[in-house]
Amino acid sequence: MNYIVIFFSQSGAIKFNKQMINKGIKCILSPTPRTLSSSCGTCANILFESDINELIEDEIESIYSVDNKRNYMLLFDNHN
């Protein structure tokens, strides 16, 4: 499944990218779609087949699933 992971800071995105590389998970950093957030300008696009709860950490603001038509579904929100 394709996911977009949004972060509170760019340093969080860079740290996450390094963690994904170490785990062998394909991760591409890109500008965050403005329809999803205007916070940090960087998001991670990942292809991940396991439970997304394994990815959650303090630096993650939100996680969206992405379908083939670029529709986004919010799966995790860290604004509580």
Protein backbone atom coordinates (compact mmCIF):
# COMPACT_ATOMS: atom_id res chain seq x y z
CA MET A 1 0.00 0.00 0.00
CA ASN A 2 1.16 3.54 -0.73
CA TYR A 3 1.29 6.03 2.12
CA ILE A 4 2.17 9.67 2.60
CA VAL A 5 3.74 10.43 5.97
CA ILE A 6 3.66 14.06 7.11
CA PHE A 7 6.01 15.43 9.78
CA PHE A 8 6.11 18.29 12.25
CA SER A 9 9.61 19.25 11.03
CA GLN A 10 11.97 18.65 8.14
CA SER A 11 14.50 17.08 10.50
CA GLY A 12 11.82 14.52 11.44
CA ALA A 13 11.33 13.70 7.75
CA ILE A 14 15.08 13.23 7.22
CA LYS A 15 15.39 11.02 10.31
CA PHE A 16 12.41 8.92 9.15
CA ASN A 17 13.93 8.54 5.68
CA LYS A 18 17.17 7.19 7.16
CA GLN A 19 15.20 4.72 9.32
CA MET A 20 13.28 3.47 6.28
CA ILE A 21 16.49 3.02 4.29
CA ASN A 22 17.97 1.00 7.16
CA LYS A 23 14.84 -1.21 7.19
CA GLY A 24 14.91 -1.70 3.41
CA ILE A 25 11.64 0.18 2.88
CA LYS A 26 11.35 2.31 -0.24
CA CYS A 27 10.96 5.93 0.88
CA ILE A 28 10.98 9.07 -1.25
CA LEU A 29 10.96 12.53 0.32
CA SER A 30 8.96 15.12 -1.60
CA PRO A 31 7.04 18.37 -1.06
CA THR A 32 3.91 17.87 1.05
CA PRO A 33 0.71 18.24 -0.99
CA ARG A 34 -0.88 21.50 0.17
CA THR A 35 -4.26 19.77 0.31
CA LEU A 36 -2.88 17.73 3.23
CA SER A 37 -0.82 20.18 5.27
CA SER A 38 0.83 23.57 5.27
CA SER A 39 3.18 22.74 8.17
CA CYS A 40 6.48 21.11 7.25
CA GLY A 41 7.24 21.27 3.56
CA THR A 42 8.54 17.70 3.33
CA CYS A 43 6.64 14.41 3.38
CA ALA A 44 7.67 10.79 2.86
CA ASN A 45 6.10 8.63 0.19
CA ILE A 46 6.43 4.98 1.13
CA LEU A 47 5.34 1.60 -0.12
CA PHE A 48 4.64 -0.44 3.01
CA GLU A 49 2.82 -3.75 3.33
CA SER A 50 2.78 -4.18 7.12
CA ASP A 51 0.79 -2.49 9.90
CA ILE A 52 1.42 1.29 9.81
CA ASN A 53 1.37 1.36 13.61
CA GLU A 54 4.91 -0.02 13.37
CA LEU A 55 5.99 3.30 11.82
CA ILE A 56 4.43 5.74 14.26
CA GLU A 57 6.79 7.96 16.24
CA ASP A 58 6.64 11.42 17.85
CA GLU A 59 7.86 13.33 14.77
CA ILE A 60 4.98 12.07 12.59
CA GLU A 61 2.09 14.50 12.27
CA SER A 62 -0.17 12.29 10.14
CA ILE A 63 -0.28 9.32 7.79
CA TYR A 64 -2.51 9.02 4.73
CA SER A 65 -3.13 6.10 2.42
CA VAL A 66 -3.01 6.99 -1.27
CA ASP A 67 -4.92 5.19 -4.01
CA ASN A 68 -4.13 5.10 -7.74
CA LYS A 69 -6.24 8.21 -8.35
CA ARG A 70 -4.30 10.21 -5.73
CA ASN A 71 -7.19 10.16 -3.27
CA TYR A 72 -6.02 10.50 0.32
CA MET A 73 -7.49 8.79 3.39
CA LEU A 74 -6.36 9.88 6.84
CA LEU A 75 -5.22 6.88 8.88
CA PHE A 76 -3.28 8.49 11.73
CA ASP A 77 -3.43 12.00 13.23
CA ASN A 78 -1.04 13.12 15.98
CA HIS A 79 -2.79 16.39 16.88
CA ASN A 80 -4.23 15.17 20.17
